[in-house]
Amino acid sequence: MTFHGLVIAHQDSSYDSKRGRIAQETLTCLDADQTVKLTDTVDCVFSAGLIPQASTMVGKTLAFFVDAVRPSNTMRPRFVVKGLAPAKS
C-alpha cells in the first residue's frame, strides 16, 4: 500500500526490548490524498537509518510504502514503513 502524507512532526521512537534497544523513528503525517482523505493524523514508523536525515522531512509531502498497519495506544493509525519517495504532484 502507498500512503501520501504531509510530514508535520518527527520523533525518535526507539524503545528497549528483551533483545536490546530497538532503534526506530516516527514521522507524524496529515493525509495528502485528495480522493480518500483520513480525518486524523497518521504515524509512519520505520527503522532508524532507513530514511537518512528524517528530521529534515518535516513540511514535505512524501509517498510512504507501507508494509503493515500496527495497533496503537492512541486513536491514530501507525503504518510500518519499508521505504519512501517524494510524492508526485
C-alpha atoms as a PDB file:
ATOM      1  CA  MET A   1       0.000   0.000   0.000  1.00  0.00           C
ATOM      2  CA  THR A   2       1.178   3.526  -0.705  1.00  0.00           C
ATOM      3  CA  PHE A   3       0.258   6.397   1.606  1.00  0.00           C
ATOM      4  CA  HIS A   4       0.807  10.039   0.621  1.00  0.00           C
ATOM      5  CA  GLY A   5       1.390  12.198   3.676  1.00  0.00           C
ATOM      6  CA  LEU A   6       2.454  15.724   4.570  1.00  0.00           C
ATOM      7  CA  VAL A   7       5.008  15.359   7.372  1.00  0.00           C
ATOM      8  CA  ILE A   8       4.186  17.596  10.352  1.00  0.00           C
ATOM      9  CA  ALA A   9       6.469  16.132  13.053  1.00  0.00           C
ATOM     10  CA  HIS A  10       9.467  13.844  13.601  1.00  0.00           C
ATOM     11  CA  GLN A  11      10.415  11.957  16.752  1.00  0.00           C
ATOM     12  CA  ASP A  12      12.791   9.261  17.912  1.00  0.00           C
ATOM     13  CA  SER A  13      10.514   6.402  18.985  1.00  0.00           C
ATOM     14  CA  SER A  14      13.223   3.898  19.947  1.00  0.00           C
ATOM     15  CA  TYR A  15      12.452   1.524  22.792  1.00  0.00           C
ATOM     16  CA  ASP A  16      14.054  -1.211  24.894  1.00  0.00           C
ATOM     17  CA  SER A  17      13.006  -4.829  24.411  1.00  0.00           C
ATOM     18  CA  LYS A  18      14.191  -8.151  25.818  1.00  0.00           C
ATOM     19  CA  ARG A  19      16.622  -8.399  22.889  1.00  0.00           C
ATOM     20  CA  GLY A  20      18.049  -4.931  23.446  1.00  0.00           C
ATOM     21  CA  ARG A  21      17.456  -1.455  22.079  1.00  0.00           C
ATOM     22  CA  ILE A  22      15.139  -1.209  19.041  1.00  0.00           C
ATOM     23  CA  ALA A  23      16.058   1.920  17.100  1.00  0.00           C
ATOM     24  CA  GLN A  24      13.129   3.412  15.221  1.00  0.00           C
ATOM     25  CA  GLU A  25      11.777   6.801  14.235  1.00  0.00           C
ATOM     26  CA  THR A  26       8.286   8.171  13.637  1.00  0.00           C
ATOM     27  CA  LEU A  27       7.038  10.781  11.183  1.00  0.00           C
ATOM     28  CA  THR A  28       3.566  12.126  12.012  1.00  0.00           C
ATOM     29  CA  CYS A  29       1.675  12.997   8.823  1.00  0.00           C
ATOM     30  CA  LEU A  30      -1.519  14.537   7.531  1.00  0.00           C
ATOM     31  CA  ASP A  31      -3.196  12.631   4.703  1.00  0.00           C
ATOM     32  CA  ALA A  32      -2.279  14.295   1.401  1.00  0.00           C
ATOM     33  CA  ASP A  33      -4.565  12.092  -0.735  1.00  0.00           C
ATOM     34  CA  GLN A  34      -7.173  14.193  -2.485  1.00  0.00           C
ATOM     35  CA  THR A  35      -9.742  11.435  -3.109  1.00  0.00           C
ATOM     36  CA  VAL A  36      -9.933   9.353   0.079  1.00  0.00           C
ATOM     37  CA  LYS A  37      -8.855  11.502   2.986  1.00  0.00           C
ATOM     38  CA  LEU A  38      -8.234  10.233   6.522  1.00  0.00           C
ATOM     39  CA  THR A  39      -9.627  12.609   9.134  1.00  0.00           C
ATOM     40  CA  ASP A  40      -6.785  12.238  11.635  1.00  0.00           C
ATOM     41  CA  THR A  41      -3.018  12.221  11.552  1.00  0.00           C
ATOM     42  CA  VAL A  42      -1.043   9.033  10.895  1.00  0.00           C
ATOM     43  CA  ASP A  43       2.221   7.876  12.493  1.00  0.00           C
ATOM     44  CA  CYS A  44       4.628   6.373   9.942  1.00  0.00           C
ATOM     45  CA  VAL A  45       7.105   4.188  11.864  1.00  0.00           C
ATOM     46  CA  PHE A  46      10.375   2.932  10.369  1.00  0.00           C
ATOM     47  CA  SER A  47      13.749   1.537  11.417  1.00  0.00           C
ATOM     48  CA  ALA A  48      16.296   4.174  12.344  1.00  0.00           C
ATOM     49  CA  GLY A  49      18.633   4.705   9.410  1.00  0.00           C
ATOM     50  CA  LEU A  50      16.053   3.708   6.764  1.00  0.00           C
ATOM     51  CA  ILE A  51      15.444   7.359   5.961  1.00  0.00           C
ATOM     52  CA  PRO A  52      18.621   9.444   6.197  1.00  0.00           C
ATOM     53  CA  GLN A  53      18.071  12.800   7.909  1.00  0.00           C
ATOM     54  CA  ALA A  54      14.412  12.057   8.637  1.00  0.00           C
ATOM     55  CA  SER A  55      14.111  15.200  10.756  1.00  0.00           C
ATOM     56  CA  THR A  56      14.583  17.308   7.592  1.00  0.00           C
ATOM     57  CA  MET A  57      11.424  15.791   6.058  1.00  0.00           C
ATOM     58  CA  VAL A  58       9.068  17.989   8.145  1.00  0.00           C
ATOM     59  CA  GLY A  59       6.928  20.114   5.824  1.00  0.00           C
ATOM     60  CA  LYS A  60       7.399  17.824   2.809  1.00  0.00           C
ATOM     61  CA  THR A  61       4.821  15.595   1.126  1.00  0.00           C
ATOM     62  CA  LEU A  62       6.080  12.038   0.692  1.00  0.00           C
ATOM     63  CA  ALA A  63       4.846   8.718  -0.664  1.00  0.00           C
ATOM     64  CA  PHE A  64       5.288   6.071   2.041  1.00  0.00           C
ATOM     65  CA  PHE A  65       5.418   2.399   1.064  1.00  0.00           C
ATOM     66  CA  VAL A  66       3.510   0.739   3.913  1.00  0.00           C
ATOM     67  CA  ASP A  67       4.396  -2.800   4.946  1.00  0.00           C
ATOM     68  CA  ALA A  68       1.839  -3.205   7.759  1.00  0.00           C
ATOM     69  CA  VAL A  69      -0.615  -1.360   9.970  1.00  0.00           C
ATOM     70  CA  ARG A  70       0.348  -1.668  13.630  1.00  0.00           C
ATOM     71  CA  PRO A  71      -2.014  -1.292  16.605  1.00  0.00           C
ATOM     72  CA  SER A  72      -1.527   1.854  18.639  1.00  0.00           C
ATOM     73  CA  ASN A  73      -2.277   3.086  22.157  1.00  0.00           C
ATOM     74  CA  THR A  74      -3.800   6.192  20.591  1.00  0.00           C
ATOM     75  CA  MET A  75      -6.650   6.535  18.101  1.00  0.00           C
ATOM     76  CA  ARG A  76      -4.150   7.429  15.367  1.00  0.00           C
ATOM     77  CA  PRO A  77      -3.113   4.623  12.968  1.00  0.00           C
ATOM     78  CA  ARG A  78       0.554   3.519  12.877  1.00  0.00           C
ATOM     79  CA  PHE A  79       1.902   2.479   9.478  1.00  0.00           C
ATOM     80  CA  VAL A  80       5.082   0.392   9.367  1.00  0.00           C
ATOM     81  CA  VAL A  81       7.094   1.901   6.504  1.00  0.00           C
ATOM     82  CA  LYS A  82       9.503  -0.062   4.302  1.00  0.00           C
ATOM     83  CA  GLY A  83      10.504   2.877   2.088  1.00  0.00           C
ATOM     84  CA  LEU A  84       9.504   6.271   0.752  1.00  0.00           C
ATOM     85  CA  ALA A  85       9.771   8.543  -2.251  1.00  0.00           C
ATOM     86  CA  PRO A  86       8.934  12.186  -2.963  1.00  0.00           C
ATOM     87  CA  ALA A  87       5.226  12.466  -3.755  1.00  0.00           C
ATOM     88  CA  LYS A  88       4.356  13.323  -7.343  1.00  0.00           C
ATOM     89  CA  SER A  89       2.164  16.383  -7.764  1.00  0.00           C
END
